[in-house]
Amino acid sequence: MKQGIHPEYHSIKVVMTDGTEFVTRSCFGAEGSVLNLDIDPKSHPAWTGGTQQLMDRGGRLSRFNNKFGGLFATK
């Protein structure tokens, strides 16, 4: 490997949105830095299967449904 072109790989502390912490290795910050997450697998609906509803008032979603709504309809 070429010398001097790779970032420093060191230990950092990651703080999840619920306050839990863990130590991992990363190129983020400096040795001992703290990374506070705004979104993590415990709180984001993509991982938790959240019940958040799409709010649409005649925008893209309505236009899509009007154009393709019956395309995949089952009989």
PDB file of N, CA and C in Angstrom:
ATOM      1  N   MET A   1       0.825  -1.186   0.000  1.00  0.00           N
ATOM      2  CA  MET A   1       0.000   0.000   0.000  1.00  0.00           C
ATOM      3  C   MET A   1       0.872   1.252   0.000  1.00  0.00           C
ATOM      4  N   LYS A   2       0.355   2.297  -0.604  1.00  0.00           N
ATOM      5  CA  LYS A   2       1.055   3.569  -0.561  1.00  0.00           C
ATOM      6  C   LYS A   2       0.999   4.132   0.847  1.00  0.00           C
ATOM      7  N   GLN A   3       2.066   4.733   1.273  1.00  0.00           N
ATOM      8  CA  GLN A   3       2.121   5.330   2.603  1.00  0.00           C
ATOM      9  C   GLN A   3       1.587   6.762   2.561  1.00  0.00           C
ATOM     10  N   GLY A   4       0.882   7.166   3.618  1.00  0.00           N
ATOM     11  CA  GLY A   4       0.462   8.550   3.778  1.00  0.00           C
ATOM     12  C   GLY A   4      -0.796   8.962   3.023  1.00  0.00           C
ATOM     13  N   ILE A   5      -1.484   8.030   2.347  1.00  0.00           N
ATOM     14  CA  ILE A   5      -2.691   8.434   1.629  1.00  0.00           C
ATOM     15  C   ILE A   5      -3.971   7.937   2.300  1.00  0.00           C
ATOM     16  N   HIS A   6      -3.859   7.098   3.302  1.00  0.00           N
ATOM     17  CA  HIS A   6      -5.027   6.527   3.950  1.00  0.00           C
ATOM     18  C   HIS A   6      -5.385   7.319   5.200  1.00  0.00           C
ATOM     19  N   PRO A   7      -6.691   7.525   5.451  1.00  0.00           N
ATOM     20  CA  PRO A   7      -7.090   8.262   6.650  1.00  0.00           C
ATOM     21  C   PRO A   7      -6.796   7.456   7.917  1.00  0.00           C
ATOM     22  N   GLU A   8      -6.686   8.156   9.014  1.00  0.00           N
ATOM     23  CA  GLU A   8      -6.431   7.515  10.310  1.00  0.00           C
ATOM     24  C   GLU A   8      -7.685   6.785  10.766  1.00  0.00           C
ATOM     25  N   TYR A   9      -7.548   5.540  11.144  1.00  0.00           N
ATOM     26  CA  TYR A   9      -8.647   4.683  11.579  1.00  0.00           C
ATOM     27  C   TYR A   9      -8.510   4.512  13.083  1.00  0.00           C
ATOM     28  N   HIS A  10      -9.507   4.988  13.860  1.00  0.00           N
ATOM     29  CA  HIS A  10      -9.391   5.017  15.315  1.00  0.00           C
ATOM     30  C   HIS A  10     -10.739   4.737  15.965  1.00  0.00           C
ATOM     31  N   SER A  11     -10.760   4.645  17.286  1.00  0.00           N
ATOM     32  CA  SER A  11     -11.982   4.365  18.038  1.00  0.00           C
ATOM     33  C   SER A  11     -12.751   5.645  18.314  1.00  0.00           C
ATOM     34  N   ILE A  12     -14.104   5.566  18.139  1.00  0.00           N
ATOM     35  CA  ILE A  12     -14.985   6.679  18.487  1.00  0.00           C
ATOM     36  C   ILE A  12     -16.176   6.111  19.257  1.00  0.00           C
ATOM     37  N   LYS A  13     -16.910   6.986  19.926  1.00  0.00           N
ATOM     38  CA  LYS A  13     -18.112   6.587  20.643  1.00  0.00           C
ATOM     39  C   LYS A  13     -19.313   7.078  19.854  1.00  0.00           C
ATOM     40  N   VAL A  14     -20.297   6.200  19.619  1.00  0.00           N
ATOM     41  CA  VAL A  14     -21.516   6.539  18.900  1.00  0.00           C
ATOM     42  C   VAL A  14     -22.661   6.561  19.905  1.00  0.00           C
ATOM     43  N   VAL A  15     -23.437   7.667  19.917  1.00  0.00           N
ATOM     44  CA  VAL A  15     -24.571   7.803  20.817  1.00  0.00           C
ATOM     45  C   VAL A  15     -25.840   7.767  19.973  1.00  0.00           C
ATOM     46  N   MET A  16     -26.691   6.752  20.239  1.00  0.00           N
ATOM     47  CA  MET A  16     -27.934   6.581  19.489  1.00  0.00           C
ATOM     48  C   MET A  16     -28.976   7.586  19.986  1.00  0.00           C
ATOM     49  N   THR A  17     -30.118   7.672  19.295  1.00  0.00           N
ATOM     50  CA  THR A  17     -31.138   8.651  19.653  1.00  0.00           C
ATOM     51  C   THR A  17     -31.764   8.379  21.011  1.00  0.00           C
ATOM     52  N   ASP A  18     -31.759   7.123  21.466  1.00  0.00           N
ATOM     53  CA  ASP A  18     -32.340   6.812  22.771  1.00  0.00           C
ATOM     54  C   ASP A  18     -31.325   6.909  23.907  1.00  0.00           C
ATOM     55  N   GLY A  19     -30.099   7.322  23.589  1.00  0.00           N
ATOM     56  CA  GLY A  19     -29.082   7.516  24.613  1.00  0.00           C
ATOM     57  C   GLY A  19     -28.118   6.361  24.785  1.00  0.00           C
ATOM     58  N   THR A  20     -28.399   5.223  24.162  1.00  0.00           N
ATOM     59  CA  THR A  20     -27.461   4.113  24.273  1.00  0.00           C
ATOM     60  C   THR A  20     -26.181   4.445  23.515  1.00  0.00           C
ATOM     61  N   GLU A  21     -25.087   3.887  23.973  1.00  0.00           N
ATOM     62  CA  GLU A  21     -23.774   4.198  23.403  1.00  0.00           C
ATOM     63  C   GLU A  21     -23.036   2.907  23.048  1.00  0.00           C
ATOM     64  N   PHE A  22     -22.175   2.995  22.063  1.00  0.00           N
ATOM     65  CA  PHE A  22     -21.261   1.906  21.762  1.00  0.00           C
ATOM     66  C   PHE A  22     -19.998   2.484  21.152  1.00  0.00           C
ATOM     67  N   VAL A  23     -18.928   1.719  21.223  1.00  0.00           N
ATOM     68  CA  VAL A  23     -17.636   2.142  20.688  1.00  0.00           C
ATOM     69  C   VAL A  23     -17.378   1.355  19.413  1.00  0.00           C
ATOM     70  N   THR A  24     -16.939   2.060  18.384  1.00  0.00           N
ATOM     71  CA  THR A  24     -16.602   1.433  17.115  1.00  0.00           C
ATOM     72  C   THR A  24     -15.367   2.101  16.548  1.00  0.00           C
ATOM     73  N   ARG A  25     -14.866   1.579  15.449  1.00  0.00           N
ATOM     74  CA  ARG A  25     -13.710   2.182  14.798  1.00  0.00           C
ATOM     75  C   ARG A  25     -14.181   2.895  13.548  1.00  0.00           C
ATOM     76  N   SER A  26     -13.613   4.081  13.272  1.00  0.00           N
ATOM     77  CA  SER A  26     -14.059   4.895  12.161  1.00  0.00           C
ATOM     78  C   SER A  26     -12.975   5.884  11.764  1.00  0.00           C
ATOM     79  N   CYS A  27     -13.182   6.549  10.640  1.00  0.00           N
ATOM     80  CA  CYS A  27     -12.313   7.641  10.198  1.00  0.00           C
ATOM     81  C   CYS A  27     -12.890   8.988  10.628  1.00  0.00           C
ATOM     82  N   PHE A  28     -14.064   8.987  11.289  1.00  0.00           N
ATOM     83  CA  PHE A  28     -14.734  10.201  11.735  1.00  0.00           C
ATOM     84  C   PHE A  28     -13.939  10.876  12.848  1.00  0.00           C
ATOM     85  N   GLY A  29     -13.774  12.184  12.760  1.00  0.00           N
ATOM     86  CA  GLY A  29     -13.156  12.971  13.820  1.00  0.00           C
ATOM     87  C   GLY A  29     -11.770  12.503  14.201  1.00  0.00           C
ATOM     88  N   ALA A  30     -11.508  12.558  15.508  1.00  0.00           N
ATOM     89  CA  ALA A  30     -10.219  12.150  16.050  1.00  0.00           C
ATOM     90  C   ALA A  30     -10.457  11.050  17.083  1.00  0.00           C
ATOM     91  N   GLU A  31      -9.405  10.474  17.566  1.00  0.00           N
ATOM     92  CA  GLU A  31      -9.491   9.435  18.591  1.00  0.00           C
ATOM     93  C   GLU A  31     -10.335   9.935  19.753  1.00  0.00           C
ATOM     94  N   GLY A  32     -11.370   9.168  20.139  1.00  0.00           N
ATOM     95  CA  GLY A  32     -12.213   9.529  21.271  1.00  0.00           C
ATOM     96  C   GLY A  32     -13.357  10.463  20.934  1.00  0.00           C
ATOM     97  N   SER A  33     -13.569  10.819  19.670  1.00  0.00           N
ATOM     98  CA  SER A  33     -14.677  11.693  19.286  1.00  0.00           C
ATOM     99  C   SER A  33     -16.013  11.017  19.585  1.00  0.00           C
ATOM    100  N   VAL A  34     -17.066  11.840  19.715  1.00  0.00           N
ATOM    101  CA  VAL A  34     -18.409  11.342  19.961  1.00  0.00           C
ATOM    102  C   VAL A  34     -19.273  11.685  18.757  1.00  0.00           C
ATOM    103  N   LEU A  35     -19.949  10.688  18.190  1.00  0.00           N
ATOM    104  CA  LEU A  35     -20.852  10.870  17.062  1.00  0.00           C
ATOM    105  C   LEU A  35     -22.273  10.704  17.575  1.00  0.00           C
ATOM    106  N   ASN A  36     -23.042  11.790  17.606  1.00  0.00           N
ATOM    107  CA  ASN A  36     -24.437  11.746  18.042  1.00  0.00           C
ATOM    108  C   ASN A  36     -25.330  11.569  16.815  1.00  0.00           C
ATOM    109  N   LEU A  37     -26.112  10.488  16.805  1.00  0.00           N
ATOM    110  CA  LEU A  37     -26.966  10.191  15.665  1.00  0.00           C
ATOM    111  C   LEU A  37     -28.302  10.908  15.775  1.00  0.00           C
ATOM    112  N   ASP A  38     -28.809  11.440  14.653  1.00  0.00           N
ATOM    113  CA  ASP A  38     -30.141  12.024  14.599  1.00  0.00           C
ATOM    114  C   ASP A  38     -31.167  10.970  14.207  1.00  0.00           C
ATOM    115  N   ILE A  39     -30.747  10.023  13.394  1.00  0.00           N
ATOM    116  CA  ILE A  39     -31.604   8.939  12.924  1.00  0.00           C
ATOM    117  C   ILE A  39     -30.828   7.644  13.093  1.00  0.00           C
ATOM    118  N   ASP A  40     -31.489   6.629  13.622  1.00  0.00           N
ATOM    119  CA  ASP A  40     -30.846   5.332  13.765  1.00  0.00           C
ATOM    120  C   ASP A  40     -31.875   4.220  13.557  1.00  0.00           C
ATOM    121  N   PRO A  41     -31.437   2.980  13.467  1.00  0.00           N
ATOM    122  CA  PRO A  41     -32.368   1.882  13.203  1.00  0.00           C
ATOM    123  C   PRO A  41     -33.449   1.693  14.268  1.00  0.00           C
ATOM    124  N   LYS A  42     -33.245   2.212  15.475  1.00  0.00           N
ATOM    125  CA  LYS A  42     -34.258   2.054  16.516  1.00  0.00           C
ATOM    126  C   LYS A  42     -35.386   3.069  16.382  1.00  0.00           C
ATOM    127  N   SER A  43     -35.163   4.173  15.659  1.00  0.00           N
ATOM    128  CA  SER A  43     -36.179   5.218  15.599  1.00  0.00           C
ATOM    129  C   SER A  43     -36.706   5.515  14.206  1.00  0.00           C
ATOM    130  N   HIS A  44     -36.017   5.092  13.151  1.00  0.00           N
ATOM    131  CA  HIS A  44     -36.427   5.445  11.797  1.00  0.00           C
ATOM    132  C   HIS A  44     -37.495   4.478  11.287  1.00  0.00           C
ATOM    133  N   PRO A  45     -38.589   4.992  10.713  1.00  0.00           N
ATOM    134  CA  PRO A  45     -39.680   4.128  10.258  1.00  0.00           C
ATOM    135  C   PRO A  45     -39.270   3.100   9.199  1.00  0.00           C
ATOM    136  N   ALA A  46     -38.219   3.348   8.439  1.00  0.00           N
ATOM    137  CA  ALA A  46     -37.786   2.381   7.433  1.00  0.00           C
ATOM    138  C   ALA A  46     -37.349   1.080   8.087  1.00  0.00           C
ATOM    139  N   TRP A  47     -36.808   1.133   9.300  1.00  0.00           N
ATOM    140  CA  TRP A  47     -36.369  -0.073  10.000  1.00  0.00           C
ATOM    141  C   TRP A  47     -37.412  -0.574  10.987  1.00  0.00           C
ATOM    142  N   THR A  48     -38.218   0.322  11.548  1.00  0.00           N
ATOM    143  CA  THR A  48     -39.159  -0.077  12.590  1.00  0.00           C
ATOM    144  C   THR A  48     -40.522  -0.436  12.042  1.00  0.00           C
ATOM    145  N   GLY A  49     -40.771  -0.188  10.749  1.00  0.00           N
ATOM    146  CA  GLY A  49     -42.092  -0.468  10.189  1.00  0.00           C
ATOM    147  C   GLY A  49     -43.110   0.507  10.714  1.00  0.00           C
ATOM    148  N   GLY A  50     -42.719   1.750  10.864  1.00  0.00           N
ATOM    149  CA  GLY A  50     -43.574   2.792  11.430  1.00  0.00           C
ATOM    150  C   GLY A  50     -44.889   2.964  10.699  1.00  0.00           C
ATOM    151  N   THR A  51     -45.810   3.618  11.356  1.00  0.00           N
ATOM    152  CA  THR A  51     -47.148   3.803  10.809  1.00  0.00           C
ATOM    153  C   THR A  51     -47.340   5.200  10.258  1.00  0.00           C
ATOM    154  N   GLN A  52     -46.259   5.871   9.935  1.00  0.00           N
ATOM    155  CA  GLN A  52     -46.354   7.223   9.402  1.00  0.00           C
ATOM    156  C   GLN A  52     -47.081   7.190   8.058  1.00  0.00           C
ATOM    157  N   GLN A  53     -48.040   8.080   7.887  1.00  0.00           N
ATOM    158  CA  GLN A  53     -48.831   8.138   6.665  1.00  0.00           C
ATOM    159  C   GLN A  53     -48.301   9.233   5.756  1.00  0.00           C
ATOM    160  N   LEU A  54     -48.382   8.998   4.453  1.00  0.00           N
ATOM    161  CA  LEU A  54     -48.000  10.030   3.495  1.00  0.00           C
ATOM    162  C   LEU A  54     -49.118  11.056   3.398  1.00  0.00           C
ATOM    163  N   MET A  55     -48.784  12.301   3.570  1.00  0.00           N
ATOM    164  CA  MET A  55     -49.764  13.379   3.433  1.00  0.00           C
ATOM    165  C   MET A  55     -49.630  13.944   2.030  1.00  0.00           C
ATOM    166  N   ASP A  56     -50.713  13.880   1.263  1.00  0.00           N
ATOM    167  CA  ASP A  56     -50.671  14.354  -0.104  1.00  0.00           C
ATOM    168  C   ASP A  56     -51.963  15.107  -0.393  1.00  0.00           C
ATOM    169  N   ARG A  57     -51.845  16.303  -0.841  1.00  0.00           N
ATOM    170  CA  ARG A  57     -53.008  17.120  -1.159  1.00  0.00           C
ATOM    171  C   ARG A  57     -52.975  17.479  -2.646  1.00  0.00           C
ATOM    172  N   GLY A  58     -53.175  16.478  -3.485  1.00  0.00           N
ATOM    173  CA  GLY A  58     -53.219  16.725  -4.909  1.00  0.00           C
ATOM    174  C   GLY A  58     -51.862  16.877  -5.554  1.00  0.00           C
ATOM    175  N   GLY A  59     -50.841  16.305  -4.948  1.00  0.00           N
ATOM    176  CA  GLY A  59     -49.487  16.446  -5.472  1.00  0.00           C
ATOM    177  C   GLY A  59     -49.048  15.239  -6.259  1.00  0.00           C
ATOM    178  N   ARG A  60     -47.793  14.883  -6.107  1.00  0.00           N
ATOM    179  CA  ARG A  60     -47.198  13.803  -6.891  1.00  0.00           C
ATOM    180  C   ARG A  60     -47.868  12.457  -6.668  1.00  0.00           C
ATOM    181  N   LEU A  61     -48.172  12.151  -5.411  1.00  0.00           N
ATOM    182  CA  LEU A  61     -48.771  10.853  -5.108  1.00  0.00           C
ATOM    183  C   LEU A  61     -50.130  10.706  -5.776  1.00  0.00           C
ATOM    184  N   SER A  62     -50.945  11.734  -5.738  1.00  0.00           N
ATOM    185  CA  SER A  62     -52.260  11.685  -6.382  1.00  0.00           C
ATOM    186  C   SER A  62     -52.127  11.555  -7.889  1.00  0.00           C
ATOM    187  N   ARG A  63     -51.213  12.287  -8.483  1.00  0.00           N
ATOM    188  CA  ARG A  63     -51.016  12.198  -9.928  1.00  0.00           C
ATOM    189  C   ARG A  63     -50.551  10.798 -10.320  1.00  0.00           C
ATOM    190  N   PHE A  64     -49.645  10.220  -9.528  1.00  0.00           N
ATOM    191  CA  PHE A  64     -49.173   8.864  -9.802  1.00  0.00           C
ATOM    192  C   PHE A  64     -50.323   7.869  -9.718  1.00  0.00           C
ATOM    193  N   ASN A  65     -51.132   7.968  -8.655  1.00  0.00           N
ATOM    194  CA  ASN A  65     -52.248   7.038  -8.491  1.00  0.00           C
ATOM    195  C   ASN A  65     -53.280   7.205  -9.595  1.00  0.00           C
ATOM    196  N   ASN A  66     -53.522   8.423 -10.049  1.00  0.00           N
ATOM    197  CA  ASN A  66     -54.458   8.639 -11.147  1.00  0.00           C
ATOM    198  C   ASN A  66     -53.936   8.024 -12.439  1.00  0.00           C
ATOM    199  N   LYS A  67     -52.640   8.116 -12.663  1.00  0.00           N
ATOM    200  CA  LYS A  67     -52.051   7.619 -13.911  1.00  0.00           C
ATOM    201  C   LYS A  67     -51.874   6.099 -13.901  1.00  0.00           C
ATOM    202  N   PHE A  68     -51.421   5.541 -12.784  1.00  0.00           N
ATOM    203  CA  PHE A  68     -51.071   4.120 -12.724  1.00  0.00           C
ATOM    204  C   PHE A  68     -51.910   3.329 -11.715  1.00  0.00           C
ATOM    205  N   GLY A  69     -52.941   3.908 -11.153  1.00  0.00           N
ATOM    206  CA  GLY A  69     -53.703   3.271 -10.076  1.00  0.00           C
ATOM    207  C   GLY A  69     -54.247   1.904 -10.416  1.00  0.00           C
ATOM    208  N   GLY A  70     -54.751   1.701 -11.634  1.00  0.00           N
ATOM    209  CA  GLY A  70     -55.356   0.419 -11.985  1.00  0.00           C
ATOM    210  C   GLY A  70     -54.404  -0.561 -12.641  1.00  0.00           C
ATOM    211  N   LEU A  71     -53.157  -0.201 -12.759  1.00  0.00           N
ATOM    212  CA  LEU A  71     -52.199  -1.018 -13.487  1.00  0.00           C
ATOM    213  C   LEU A  71     -51.957  -2.374 -12.825  1.00  0.00           C
ATOM    214  N   PHE A  72     -51.888  -2.393 -11.504  1.00  0.00           N
ATOM    215  CA  PHE A  72     -51.572  -3.623 -10.784  1.00  0.00           C
ATOM    216  C   PHE A  72     -52.775  -4.131  -9.998  1.00  0.00           C
ATOM    217  N   ALA A  73     -53.950  -3.744 -10.379  1.00  0.00           N
ATOM    218  CA  ALA A  73     -55.163  -4.164  -9.653  1.00  0.00           C
ATOM    219  C   ALA A  73     -55.373  -5.663  -9.803  1.00  0.00           C
ATOM    220  N   THR A  74     -55.735  -6.324  -8.707  1.00  0.00           N
ATOM    221  CA  THR A  74     -56.007  -7.763  -8.733  1.00  0.00           C
ATOM    222  C   THR A  74     -57.493  -7.965  -8.910  1.00  0.00           C
ATOM    223  N   LYS A  75     -57.846  -9.077  -9.533  1.00  0.00           N
ATOM    224  CA  LYS A  75     -59.259  -9.358  -9.790  1.00  0.00           C
ATOM    225  C   LYS A  75     -59.780 -10.414  -8.853  1.00  0.00           C
TER     226      LYS A  75
END
